[in-house]
Amino acid sequence: MDDYESLGAIFATLGVIILIILLIGLALTIVTYVANWKYFKKAGKPGWACLIPYYINYVNCEIGGTKIMWFVIAIAGSIVGAGLSSLGGDEPNAIIALLSFACSIMSLVAMIIIMHNVFKSFGYGAGMTVLFVFFPFVPIWILGFGKASYLGASGNGVSPVASATPTAMNAPPEMSKFCPNCGHQVQPGESFCTNCGAKF
């Protein structure tokens, strides 16, 4: 009887641990989607776009000024890689496994390039990209909940911060292309942001 009680206690403990892990994972996912929504809004994009698989990658290409080729590689790599993995069956073929791995790596590299340009568009450098590789959630939280403003697409390989001349950096607010508060595009002559209401 004691053995059954001990076994029941072990399963109950494991169940609680699994439930806690699932709740933590759910909380991290929700926080990440909220952060994604917020940095999309900063860049003048619809927040709901971050909820749609694959379309989120397309919008990230627009935000960072990344060539559409990298979006196609990211999506094709993941789809083909998953398809090849399913062909393996019970006895995986070495060539199919290698091709699947290569497609997955190709997709990962494309995603890193896309996100690197997004980070540059908010004034961050390679350090943020390295952080993204090891802790993908954290840079998204920094973009969404941090004070960084959208500085424009930087997929041309030039950092928007480094490329700004002193004259451009000291330009009067009405000459700015984006709201310093939310990153929304501002039309010439406007005295306040039509997105967040901030006055210039």
C-alpha atoms as a PDB file:
ATOM      1  CA  MET A   1       0.000   0.000   0.000  1.00  0.00           C
ATOM      2  CA  ASP A   2       2.833   2.341   0.860  1.00  0.00           C
ATOM      3  CA  ASP A   3       4.379   1.687  -2.548  1.00  0.00           C
ATOM      4  CA  TYR A   4       1.166   2.743  -4.297  1.00  0.00           C
ATOM      5  CA  GLU A   5       0.941   5.889  -2.157  1.00  0.00           C
ATOM      6  CA  SER A   6       4.562   6.764  -2.917  1.00  0.00           C
ATOM      7  CA  LEU A   7       3.993   6.198  -6.619  1.00  0.00           C
ATOM      8  CA  GLY A   8       0.866   8.358  -6.502  1.00  0.00           C
ATOM      9  CA  ALA A   9       2.787  11.148  -4.731  1.00  0.00           C
ATOM     10  CA  ILE A  10       5.529  10.994  -7.369  1.00  0.00           C
ATOM     11  CA  PHE A  11       3.007  11.275 -10.229  1.00  0.00           C
ATOM     12  CA  ALA A  12       1.196  14.112  -8.440  1.00  0.00           C
ATOM     13  CA  THR A  13       4.492  15.998  -8.003  1.00  0.00           C
ATOM     14  CA  LEU A  14       5.419  15.430 -11.652  1.00  0.00           C
ATOM     15  CA  GLY A  15       1.977  16.651 -12.695  1.00  0.00           C
ATOM     16  CA  VAL A  16       2.395  19.866 -10.687  1.00  0.00           C
ATOM     17  CA  ILE A  17       5.887  20.450 -12.151  1.00  0.00           C
ATOM     18  CA  ILE A  18       4.611  19.910 -15.707  1.00  0.00           C
ATOM     19  CA  LEU A  19       1.685  22.260 -15.073  1.00  0.00           C
ATOM     20  CA  ILE A  20       4.027  24.968 -13.734  1.00  0.00           C
ATOM     21  CA  ILE A  21       6.301  24.592 -16.775  1.00  0.00           C
ATOM     22  CA  LEU A  22       3.309  24.860 -19.129  1.00  0.00           C
ATOM     23  CA  LEU A  23       2.008  27.973 -17.318  1.00  0.00           C
ATOM     24  CA  ILE A  24       5.446  29.622 -17.469  1.00  0.00           C
ATOM     25  CA  GLY A  25       5.680  28.808 -21.186  1.00  0.00           C
ATOM     26  CA  LEU A  26       2.208  30.251 -21.783  1.00  0.00           C
ATOM     27  CA  ALA A  27       3.075  33.426 -19.854  1.00  0.00           C
ATOM     28  CA  LEU A  28       6.323  33.895 -21.822  1.00  0.00           C
ATOM     29  CA  THR A  29       4.452  33.396 -25.097  1.00  0.00           C
ATOM     30  CA  ILE A  30       1.780  35.948 -24.200  1.00  0.00           C
ATOM     31  CA  VAL A  31       4.373  38.522 -23.069  1.00  0.00           C
ATOM     32  CA  THR A  32       6.319  37.980 -26.302  1.00  0.00           C
ATOM     33  CA  TYR A  33       3.216  38.493 -28.471  1.00  0.00           C
ATOM     34  CA  VAL A  34       2.385  41.691 -26.566  1.00  0.00           C
ATOM     35  CA  ALA A  35       5.968  42.940 -27.085  1.00  0.00           C
ATOM     36  CA  ASN A  36       5.768  42.028 -30.781  1.00  0.00           C
ATOM     37  CA  TRP A  37       2.489  43.919 -31.086  1.00  0.00           C
ATOM     38  CA  LYS A  38       4.018  46.992 -29.438  1.00  0.00           C
ATOM     39  CA  TYR A  39       7.123  47.174 -31.617  1.00  0.00           C
ATOM     40  CA  PHE A  40       5.019  46.630 -34.740  1.00  0.00           C
ATOM     41  CA  LYS A  41       2.957  49.663 -33.681  1.00  0.00           C
ATOM     42  CA  LYS A  42       6.159  51.664 -33.092  1.00  0.00           C
ATOM     43  CA  ALA A  43       7.163  50.897 -36.670  1.00  0.00           C
ATOM     44  CA  GLY A  44       3.774  52.004 -37.982  1.00  0.00           C
ATOM     45  CA  LYS A  45       2.585  48.452 -38.729  1.00  0.00           C
ATOM     46  CA  PRO A  46      -0.661  46.823 -37.531  1.00  0.00           C
ATOM     47  CA  GLY A  47      -0.134  45.007 -34.241  1.00  0.00           C
ATOM     48  CA  TRP A  48      -2.341  42.073 -35.253  1.00  0.00           C
ATOM     49  CA  ALA A  49       0.165  41.170 -37.972  1.00  0.00           C
ATOM     50  CA  CYS A  50       2.365  39.522 -35.332  1.00  0.00           C
ATOM     51  CA  LEU A  51      -0.372  36.950 -34.675  1.00  0.00           C
ATOM     52  CA  ILE A  52      -0.338  35.507 -38.200  1.00  0.00           C
ATOM     53  CA  PRO A  53       2.298  32.834 -38.900  1.00  0.00           C
ATOM     54  CA  TYR A  54       4.642  33.651 -41.794  1.00  0.00           C
ATOM     55  CA  TYR A  55       3.042  37.086 -42.297  1.00  0.00           C
ATOM     56  CA  ILE A  56       4.896  38.221 -39.177  1.00  0.00           C
ATOM     57  CA  ASN A  57       8.159  37.463 -41.026  1.00  0.00           C
ATOM     58  CA  TYR A  58       7.016  39.437 -44.062  1.00  0.00           C
ATOM     59  CA  VAL A  59       6.201  42.474 -41.894  1.00  0.00           C
ATOM     60  CA  ASN A  60       9.576  42.154 -40.146  1.00  0.00           C
ATOM     61  CA  CYS A  61      11.180  42.341 -43.615  1.00  0.00           C
ATOM     62  CA  GLU A  62       9.274  45.574 -44.262  1.00  0.00           C
ATOM     63  CA  ILE A  63      10.274  47.021 -40.875  1.00  0.00           C
ATOM     64  CA  GLY A  64      13.955  46.226 -41.367  1.00  0.00           C
ATOM     65  CA  GLY A  65      14.076  46.936 -45.098  1.00  0.00           C
ATOM     66  CA  THR A  66      15.202  43.346 -45.746  1.00  0.00           C
ATOM     67  CA  LYS A  67      15.005  41.985 -49.291  1.00  0.00           C
ATOM     68  CA  ILE A  68      11.978  39.745 -49.841  1.00  0.00           C
ATOM     69  CA  MET A  69      14.377  36.994 -50.911  1.00  0.00           C
ATOM     70  CA  TRP A  70      15.227  36.344 -47.245  1.00  0.00           C
ATOM     71  CA  PHE A  71      11.541  36.000 -46.377  1.00  0.00           C
ATOM     72  CA  VAL A  72      11.134  33.399 -49.141  1.00  0.00           C
ATOM     73  CA  ILE A  73      14.229  31.509 -47.949  1.00  0.00           C
ATOM     74  CA  ALA A  74      13.019  31.532 -44.326  1.00  0.00           C
ATOM     75  CA  ILE A  75       9.574  30.203 -45.198  1.00  0.00           C
ATOM     76  CA  ALA A  76      10.663  27.746 -47.916  1.00  0.00           C
ATOM     77  CA  GLY A  77      13.448  26.400 -45.711  1.00  0.00           C
ATOM     78  CA  SER A  78      11.123  25.662 -42.810  1.00  0.00           C
ATOM     79  CA  ILE A  79       8.391  24.108 -44.988  1.00  0.00           C
ATOM     80  CA  VAL A  80      10.751  21.980 -47.088  1.00  0.00           C
ATOM     81  CA  GLY A  81      12.733  20.963 -44.006  1.00  0.00           C
ATOM     82  CA  ALA A  82       9.570  19.825 -42.214  1.00  0.00           C
ATOM     83  CA  GLY A  83       8.373  18.016 -45.345  1.00  0.00           C
ATOM     84  CA  LEU A  84      11.653  16.154 -45.740  1.00  0.00           C
ATOM     85  CA  SER A  85      11.610  15.172 -42.065  1.00  0.00           C
ATOM     86  CA  SER A  86       8.185  13.569 -42.504  1.00  0.00           C
ATOM     87  CA  LEU A  87       9.501  11.501 -45.451  1.00  0.00           C
ATOM     88  CA  GLY A  88      11.991   9.709 -43.240  1.00  0.00           C
ATOM     89  CA  GLY A  89       9.445   7.317 -41.717  1.00  0.00           C
ATOM     90  CA  ASP A  90      10.592   4.617 -39.329  1.00  0.00           C
ATOM     91  CA  GLU A  91      13.907   4.176 -41.124  1.00  0.00           C
ATOM     92  CA  PRO A  92      15.267   7.681 -41.772  1.00  0.00           C
ATOM     93  CA  ASN A  93      17.429   8.073 -44.871  1.00  0.00           C
ATOM     94  CA  ALA A  94      20.782   9.803 -44.234  1.00  0.00           C
ATOM     95  CA  ILE A  95      20.485  11.982 -47.350  1.00  0.00           C
ATOM     96  CA  ILE A  96      16.945  13.084 -46.485  1.00  0.00           C
ATOM     97  CA  ALA A  97      18.008  13.828 -42.906  1.00  0.00           C
ATOM     98  CA  LEU A  98      20.972  15.880 -44.172  1.00  0.00           C
ATOM     99  CA  LEU A  99      18.792  17.835 -46.617  1.00  0.00           C
ATOM    100  CA  SER A 100      16.220  18.480 -43.890  1.00  0.00           C
ATOM    101  CA  PHE A 101      18.948  19.752 -41.572  1.00  0.00           C
ATOM    102  CA  ALA A 102      20.395  21.990 -44.316  1.00  0.00           C
ATOM    103  CA  CYS A 103      16.947  23.496 -45.016  1.00  0.00           C
ATOM    104  CA  SER A 104      16.418  24.168 -41.312  1.00  0.00           C
ATOM    105  CA  ILE A 105      19.818  25.894 -41.023  1.00  0.00           C
ATOM    106  CA  MET A 106      19.078  27.948 -44.158  1.00  0.00           C
ATOM    107  CA  SER A 107      15.758  29.052 -42.655  1.00  0.00           C
ATOM    108  CA  LEU A 108      17.423  29.924 -39.340  1.00  0.00           C
ATOM    109  CA  VAL A 109      20.118  32.025 -41.050  1.00  0.00           C
ATOM    110  CA  ALA A 110      17.457  33.907 -43.046  1.00  0.00           C
ATOM    111  CA  MET A 111      15.491  34.626 -39.845  1.00  0.00           C
ATOM    112  CA  ILE A 112      18.633  35.937 -38.125  1.00  0.00           C
ATOM    113  CA  ILE A 113      19.305  38.277 -41.071  1.00  0.00           C
ATOM    114  CA  ILE A 114      15.690  39.511 -41.033  1.00  0.00           C
ATOM    115  CA  MET A 115      15.758  40.204 -37.282  1.00  0.00           C
ATOM    116  CA  HIS A 116      19.244  41.777 -37.453  1.00  0.00           C
ATOM    117  CA  ASN A 117      17.862  44.421 -39.815  1.00  0.00           C
ATOM    118  CA  VAL A 118      14.844  44.928 -37.531  1.00  0.00           C
ATOM    119  CA  PHE A 119      17.198  45.562 -34.588  1.00  0.00           C
ATOM    120  CA  LYS A 120      19.231  48.021 -36.678  1.00  0.00           C
ATOM    121  CA  SER A 121      16.008  49.851 -37.512  1.00  0.00           C
ATOM    122  CA  PHE A 122      15.565  50.522 -33.807  1.00  0.00           C
ATOM    123  CA  GLY A 123      19.180  51.636 -33.356  1.00  0.00           C
ATOM    124  CA  TYR A 124      20.660  48.384 -32.029  1.00  0.00           C
ATOM    125  CA  GLY A 125      23.741  46.605 -33.355  1.00  0.00           C
ATOM    126  CA  ALA A 126      25.131  43.097 -33.676  1.00  0.00           C
ATOM    127  CA  GLY A 127      25.020  42.549 -29.906  1.00  0.00           C
ATOM    128  CA  MET A 128      21.227  42.417 -30.026  1.00  0.00           C
ATOM    129  CA  THR A 129      21.389  39.864 -32.849  1.00  0.00           C
ATOM    130  CA  VAL A 130      23.726  37.643 -30.808  1.00  0.00           C
ATOM    131  CA  LEU A 131      21.299  37.915 -27.884  1.00  0.00           C
ATOM    132  CA  PHE A 132      18.471  36.909 -30.250  1.00  0.00           C
ATOM    133  CA  VAL A 133      20.362  33.770 -31.319  1.00  0.00           C
ATOM    134  CA  PHE A 134      20.725  32.520 -27.742  1.00  0.00           C
ATOM    135  CA  PHE A 135      17.643  34.071 -26.077  1.00  0.00           C
ATOM    136  CA  PRO A 136      15.082  34.820 -28.832  1.00  0.00           C
ATOM    137  CA  PHE A 137      12.432  36.245 -26.472  1.00  0.00           C
ATOM    138  CA  VAL A 138      14.609  38.876 -24.789  1.00  0.00           C
ATOM    139  CA  PRO A 139      15.347  41.202 -27.769  1.00  0.00           C
ATOM    140  CA  ILE A 140      11.643  41.169 -28.682  1.00  0.00           C
ATOM    141  CA  TRP A 141      10.785  42.291 -25.137  1.00  0.00           C
ATOM    142  CA  ILE A 142      13.425  45.040 -25.337  1.00  0.00           C
ATOM    143  CA  LEU A 143      11.993  46.353 -28.626  1.00  0.00           C
ATOM    144  CA  GLY A 144       8.414  46.215 -27.400  1.00  0.00           C
ATOM    145  CA  PHE A 145       8.712  47.412 -23.822  1.00  0.00           C
ATOM    146  CA  GLY A 146      11.901  49.499 -24.101  1.00  0.00           C
ATOM    147  CA  LYS A 147      12.237  53.161 -25.009  1.00  0.00           C
ATOM    148  CA  ALA A 148      13.778  52.589 -28.450  1.00  0.00           C
ATOM    149  CA  SER A 149      12.002  54.376 -31.291  1.00  0.00           C
ATOM    150  CA  TYR A 150      11.725  53.205 -34.866  1.00  0.00           C
ATOM    151  CA  LEU A 151      14.343  54.994 -36.970  1.00  0.00           C
ATOM    152  CA  GLY A 152      13.348  53.715 -40.386  1.00  0.00           C
ATOM    153  CA  ALA A 153      14.223  50.657 -42.452  1.00  0.00           C
ATOM    154  CA  SER A 154      17.938  49.865 -42.308  1.00  0.00           C
ATOM    155  CA  GLY A 155      18.224  46.852 -44.568  1.00  0.00           C
ATOM    156  CA  ASN A 156      20.709  48.783 -46.714  1.00  0.00           C
ATOM    157  CA  GLY A 157      23.416  47.801 -44.230  1.00  0.00           C
ATOM    158  CA  VAL A 158      23.801  51.279 -42.754  1.00  0.00           C
ATOM    159  CA  SER A 159      22.885  51.799 -39.125  1.00  0.00           C
ATOM    160  CA  PRO A 160      20.257  54.559 -38.883  1.00  0.00           C
ATOM    161  CA  VAL A 161      22.024  55.954 -35.817  1.00  0.00           C
ATOM    162  CA  ALA A 162      25.529  55.842 -37.229  1.00  0.00           C
ATOM    163  CA  SER A 163      24.481  57.230 -40.614  1.00  0.00           C
ATOM    164  CA  ALA A 164      22.612  60.219 -39.185  1.00  0.00           C
ATOM    165  CA  THR A 165      24.501  63.441 -39.667  1.00  0.00           C
ATOM    166  CA  PRO A 166      24.639  66.020 -36.837  1.00  0.00           C
ATOM    167  CA  THR A 167      22.416  68.266 -38.930  1.00  0.00           C
ATOM    168  CA  ALA A 168      19.805  65.541 -39.352  1.00  0.00           C
ATOM    169  CA  MET A 169      19.943  64.599 -35.675  1.00  0.00           C
ATOM    170  CA  ASN A 170      19.403  68.222 -34.631  1.00  0.00           C
ATOM    171  CA  ALA A 171      16.649  68.882 -37.155  1.00  0.00           C
ATOM    172  CA  PRO A 172      13.491  70.465 -35.748  1.00  0.00           C
ATOM    173  CA  PRO A 173      10.726  67.996 -34.817  1.00  0.00           C
ATOM    174  CA  GLU A 174       8.494  69.100 -37.681  1.00  0.00           C
ATOM    175  CA  MET A 175      11.142  67.908 -40.181  1.00  0.00           C
ATOM    176  CA  SER A 176      11.303  64.441 -38.610  1.00  0.00           C
ATOM    177  CA  LYS A 177       9.848  61.565 -40.617  1.00  0.00           C
ATOM    178  CA  PHE A 178       8.751  59.580 -37.559  1.00  0.00           C
ATOM    179  CA  CYS A 179       7.181  60.406 -34.216  1.00  0.00           C
ATOM    180  CA  PRO A 180       9.868  60.255 -31.468  1.00  0.00           C
ATOM    181  CA  ASN A 181       7.277  58.854 -29.047  1.00  0.00           C
ATOM    182  CA  CYS A 182       5.704  55.924 -30.954  1.00  0.00           C
ATOM    183  CA  GLY A 183       7.628  55.747 -34.253  1.00  0.00           C
ATOM    184  CA  HIS A 184       4.552  56.483 -36.398  1.00  0.00           C
ATOM    185  CA  GLN A 185       5.285  58.202 -39.725  1.00  0.00           C
ATOM    186  CA  VAL A 186       4.650  61.938 -39.556  1.00  0.00           C
ATOM    187  CA  GLN A 187       3.646  64.029 -42.546  1.00  0.00           C
ATOM    188  CA  PRO A 188       5.420  67.365 -43.149  1.00  0.00           C
ATOM    189  CA  GLY A 189       3.715  70.263 -41.411  1.00  0.00           C
ATOM    190  CA  GLU A 190       1.944  68.182 -38.736  1.00  0.00           C
ATOM    191  CA  SER A 191       2.294  69.555 -35.216  1.00  0.00           C
ATOM    192  CA  PHE A 192       1.207  66.374 -33.438  1.00  0.00           C
ATOM    193  CA  CYS A 193       1.264  62.617 -34.052  1.00  0.00           C
ATOM    194  CA  THR A 194      -1.973  61.267 -35.515  1.00  0.00           C
ATOM    195  CA  ASN A 195      -1.234  57.865 -33.931  1.00  0.00           C
ATOM    196  CA  CYS A 196      -0.402  58.680 -30.269  1.00  0.00           C
ATOM    197  CA  GLY A 197      -1.263  62.388 -30.049  1.00  0.00           C
ATOM    198  CA  ALA A 198       2.210  63.506 -28.956  1.00  0.00           C
ATOM    199  CA  LYS A 199       2.931  67.188 -29.702  1.00  0.00           C
ATOM    200  CA  PHE A 200       6.132  68.224 -31.473  1.00  0.00           C
END
